[in-house]
Amino acid sequence: MVKSKFGRINREHDETFITKKIDTQMKDGFIKLKLGSHVIVHGFDENNKEIIENIITDEYSEKLVAINRIKSIGEKFVLTDYVDGRWIYWEYEGSFQSLEENLKRCVE
């Protein structure tokens, strides 16, 4: 069961956010992830503040995610792009190391 509350995510000051660049020309494929609660960044308002939507789920569900949509991986979140220039921060099940190893296997 996921018991998280999202606040504003500050990417520049979050020390746990570790960026991993994926070379999408290596392999266009999919990775199976267990994803839960997430934040959708819809854009910015007239004061340049993020317009966000918090989605809280009770459990994780399996999803196939296109590798070329993954922008970065942190210790708690996977950042993916979405339609119309939106971004989604997904909470994922498992450790950073296991996700990193799984991703490496998918792009080899």
C-alpha atoms as a PDB file:
ATOM      1  CA  MET A   1       0.000   0.000   0.000  1.00  0.00           C
ATOM      2  CA  VAL A   2       1.351   3.418  -0.958  1.00  0.00           C
ATOM      3  CA  LYS A   3       1.045   6.055   1.736  1.00  0.00           C
ATOM      4  CA  SER A   4       2.657   9.087   0.176  1.00  0.00           C
ATOM      5  CA  LYS A   5       1.727  12.714   0.094  1.00  0.00           C
ATOM      6  CA  PHE A   6       3.192  14.783  -2.677  1.00  0.00           C
ATOM      7  CA  GLY A   7       4.227  18.333  -2.182  1.00  0.00           C
ATOM      8  CA  ARG A   8       5.910  20.551  -4.689  1.00  0.00           C
ATOM      9  CA  ILE A   9       8.870  18.711  -6.153  1.00  0.00           C
ATOM     10  CA  ASN A  10      11.927  20.924  -6.363  1.00  0.00           C
ATOM     11  CA  ARG A  11      14.266  19.168  -8.773  1.00  0.00           C
ATOM     12  CA  GLU A  12      17.186  21.551  -8.232  1.00  0.00           C
ATOM     13  CA  HIS A  13      17.295  21.140  -4.458  1.00  0.00           C
ATOM     14  CA  ASP A  14      16.309  17.484  -4.017  1.00  0.00           C
ATOM     15  CA  GLU A  15      19.593  15.785  -3.131  1.00  0.00           C
ATOM     16  CA  THR A  16      18.086  12.320  -3.676  1.00  0.00           C
ATOM     17  CA  PHE A  17      17.223  13.083  -7.299  1.00  0.00           C
ATOM     18  CA  ILE A  18      19.897  11.403  -9.402  1.00  0.00           C
ATOM     19  CA  THR A  19      19.723  12.007 -13.111  1.00  0.00           C
ATOM     20  CA  LYS A  20      20.438   9.081 -15.405  1.00  0.00           C
ATOM     21  CA  LYS A  21      20.582   9.924 -19.091  1.00  0.00           C
ATOM     22  CA  ILE A  22      19.345   7.200 -21.396  1.00  0.00           C
ATOM     23  CA  ASP A  23      20.665   7.084 -24.951  1.00  0.00           C
ATOM     24  CA  THR A  24      17.430   6.244 -26.739  1.00  0.00           C
ATOM     25  CA  GLN A  25      19.275   5.403 -29.940  1.00  0.00           C
ATOM     26  CA  MET A  26      20.758   2.349 -28.182  1.00  0.00           C
ATOM     27  CA  LYS A  27      17.425   0.554 -28.159  1.00  0.00           C
ATOM     28  CA  ASP A  28      13.817   1.617 -28.469  1.00  0.00           C
ATOM     29  CA  GLY A  29      11.960  -0.780 -26.235  1.00  0.00           C
ATOM     30  CA  PHE A  30       9.938  -1.127 -23.081  1.00  0.00           C
ATOM     31  CA  ILE A  31      10.649  -1.751 -19.424  1.00  0.00           C
ATOM     32  CA  LYS A  32       8.164  -3.291 -16.989  1.00  0.00           C
ATOM     33  CA  LEU A  33       7.790  -1.163 -13.847  1.00  0.00           C
ATOM     34  CA  LYS A  34       5.537  -1.260 -10.797  1.00  0.00           C
ATOM     35  CA  LEU A  35       4.300   2.319 -10.496  1.00  0.00           C
ATOM     36  CA  GLY A  36       2.053   3.979  -7.957  1.00  0.00           C
ATOM     37  CA  SER A  37       1.217   7.502  -6.924  1.00  0.00           C
ATOM     38  CA  HIS A  38       2.347  10.193  -9.294  1.00  0.00           C
ATOM     39  CA  VAL A  39       2.502  13.910  -9.981  1.00  0.00           C
ATOM     40  CA  ILE A  40       1.546  15.266 -13.396  1.00  0.00           C
ATOM     41  CA  VAL A  41       3.165  18.588 -14.299  1.00  0.00           C
ATOM     42  CA  HIS A  42       0.746  20.221 -16.753  1.00  0.00           C
ATOM     43  CA  GLY A  43       2.835  23.321 -17.404  1.00  0.00           C
ATOM     44  CA  PHE A  44       3.281  26.724 -15.816  1.00  0.00           C
ATOM     45  CA  ASP A  45       0.927  29.531 -14.853  1.00  0.00           C
ATOM     46  CA  GLU A  46       1.346  33.242 -15.618  1.00  0.00           C
ATOM     47  CA  ASN A  47       3.687  33.541 -12.571  1.00  0.00           C
ATOM     48  CA  ASN A  48       5.896  30.686 -13.856  1.00  0.00           C
ATOM     49  CA  LYS A  49       4.716  28.308 -11.103  1.00  0.00           C
ATOM     50  CA  GLU A  50       4.170  24.672 -11.972  1.00  0.00           C
ATOM     51  CA  ILE A  51       0.593  23.537 -12.471  1.00  0.00           C
ATOM     52  CA  ILE A  52       0.560  20.089 -10.858  1.00  0.00           C
ATOM     53  CA  GLU A  53      -1.986  17.356 -10.300  1.00  0.00           C
ATOM     54  CA  ASN A  54      -1.366  14.855  -7.480  1.00  0.00           C
ATOM     55  CA  ILE A  55      -2.642  11.317  -8.040  1.00  0.00           C
ATOM     56  CA  ILE A  56      -2.567   9.122  -4.921  1.00  0.00           C
ATOM     57  CA  THR A  57      -3.020   5.365  -5.364  1.00  0.00           C
ATOM     58  CA  ASP A  58      -3.487   2.627  -2.779  1.00  0.00           C
ATOM     59  CA  GLU A  59      -1.175   0.175  -4.524  1.00  0.00           C
ATOM     60  CA  TYR A  60       1.363  -0.215  -7.277  1.00  0.00           C
ATOM     61  CA  SER A  61       0.397  -1.533 -10.699  1.00  0.00           C
ATOM     62  CA  GLU A  62       2.536  -2.993 -13.459  1.00  0.00           C
ATOM     63  CA  LYS A  63       3.063  -0.857 -16.532  1.00  0.00           C
ATOM     64  CA  LEU A  64       5.166  -1.172 -19.646  1.00  0.00           C
ATOM     65  CA  VAL A  65       6.984   2.133 -20.144  1.00  0.00           C
ATOM     66  CA  ALA A  66       8.744   3.085 -23.351  1.00  0.00           C
ATOM     67  CA  ILE A  67      12.428   3.508 -22.494  1.00  0.00           C
ATOM     68  CA  ASN A  68      12.716   6.604 -24.660  1.00  0.00           C
ATOM     69  CA  ARG A  69      10.075   8.332 -22.475  1.00  0.00           C
ATOM     70  CA  ILE A  70      12.209   7.997 -19.314  1.00  0.00           C
ATOM     71  CA  LYS A  71      14.019  11.252 -18.633  1.00  0.00           C
ATOM     72  CA  SER A  72      15.589  10.525 -15.244  1.00  0.00           C
ATOM     73  CA  ILE A  73      15.490   8.181 -12.287  1.00  0.00           C
ATOM     74  CA  GLY A  74      15.719   9.186  -8.652  1.00  0.00           C
ATOM     75  CA  GLU A  75      15.728   7.188  -5.437  1.00  0.00           C
ATOM     76  CA  LYS A  76      11.936   7.532  -5.201  1.00  0.00           C
ATOM     77  CA  PHE A  77      10.675   8.691  -8.588  1.00  0.00           C
ATOM     78  CA  VAL A  78      10.914   7.973 -12.313  1.00  0.00           C
ATOM     79  CA  LEU A  79      10.396  11.065 -14.471  1.00  0.00           C
ATOM     80  CA  THR A  80       8.713  10.417 -17.821  1.00  0.00           C
ATOM     81  CA  ASP A  81       7.374  12.651 -20.520  1.00  0.00           C
ATOM     82  CA  TYR A  82       3.680  12.626 -21.323  1.00  0.00           C
ATOM     83  CA  VAL A  83       1.365  14.050 -23.995  1.00  0.00           C
ATOM     84  CA  ASP A  84       1.309  17.749 -24.884  1.00  0.00           C
ATOM     85  CA  GLY A  85       4.618  18.552 -23.166  1.00  0.00           C
ATOM     86  CA  ARG A  86       3.571  17.301 -19.745  1.00  0.00           C
ATOM     87  CA  TRP A  87       5.856  15.441 -17.299  1.00  0.00           C
ATOM     88  CA  ILE A  88       4.991  12.716 -14.793  1.00  0.00           C
ATOM     89  CA  TYR A  89       6.913  11.873 -11.614  1.00  0.00           C
ATOM     90  CA  TRP A  90       6.012   8.237 -10.823  1.00  0.00           C
ATOM     91  CA  GLU A  91       6.648   6.608  -7.467  1.00  0.00           C
ATOM     92  CA  TYR A  92       8.062   3.139  -8.161  1.00  0.00           C
ATOM     93  CA  GLU A  93       8.308  -0.091  -6.191  1.00  0.00           C
ATOM     94  CA  GLY A  94      11.788  -1.453  -5.548  1.00  0.00           C
ATOM     95  CA  SER A  95      15.245  -0.055  -5.036  1.00  0.00           C
ATOM     96  CA  PHE A  96      17.163   2.387  -7.195  1.00  0.00           C
ATOM     97  CA  GLN A  97      19.851  -0.264  -7.817  1.00  0.00           C
ATOM     98  CA  SER A  98      17.376  -2.898  -9.021  1.00  0.00           C
ATOM     99  CA  LEU A  99      15.699  -0.401 -11.358  1.00  0.00           C
ATOM    100  CA  GLU A 100      19.065   0.726 -12.698  1.00  0.00           C
ATOM    101  CA  GLU A 101      20.143  -2.885 -13.347  1.00  0.00           C
ATOM    102  CA  ASN A 102      16.824  -3.707 -15.022  1.00  0.00           C
ATOM    103  CA  LEU A 103      17.125  -0.651 -17.267  1.00  0.00           C
ATOM    104  CA  LYS A 104      20.699  -1.523 -18.225  1.00  0.00           C
ATOM    105  CA  ARG A 105      19.576  -5.021 -19.256  1.00  0.00           C
ATOM    106  CA  CYS A 106      16.807  -3.505 -21.391  1.00  0.00           C
ATOM    107  CA  VAL A 107      19.148  -1.218 -23.342  1.00  0.00           C
ATOM    108  CA  GLU A 108      22.015  -3.680 -23.862  1.00  0.00           C
END
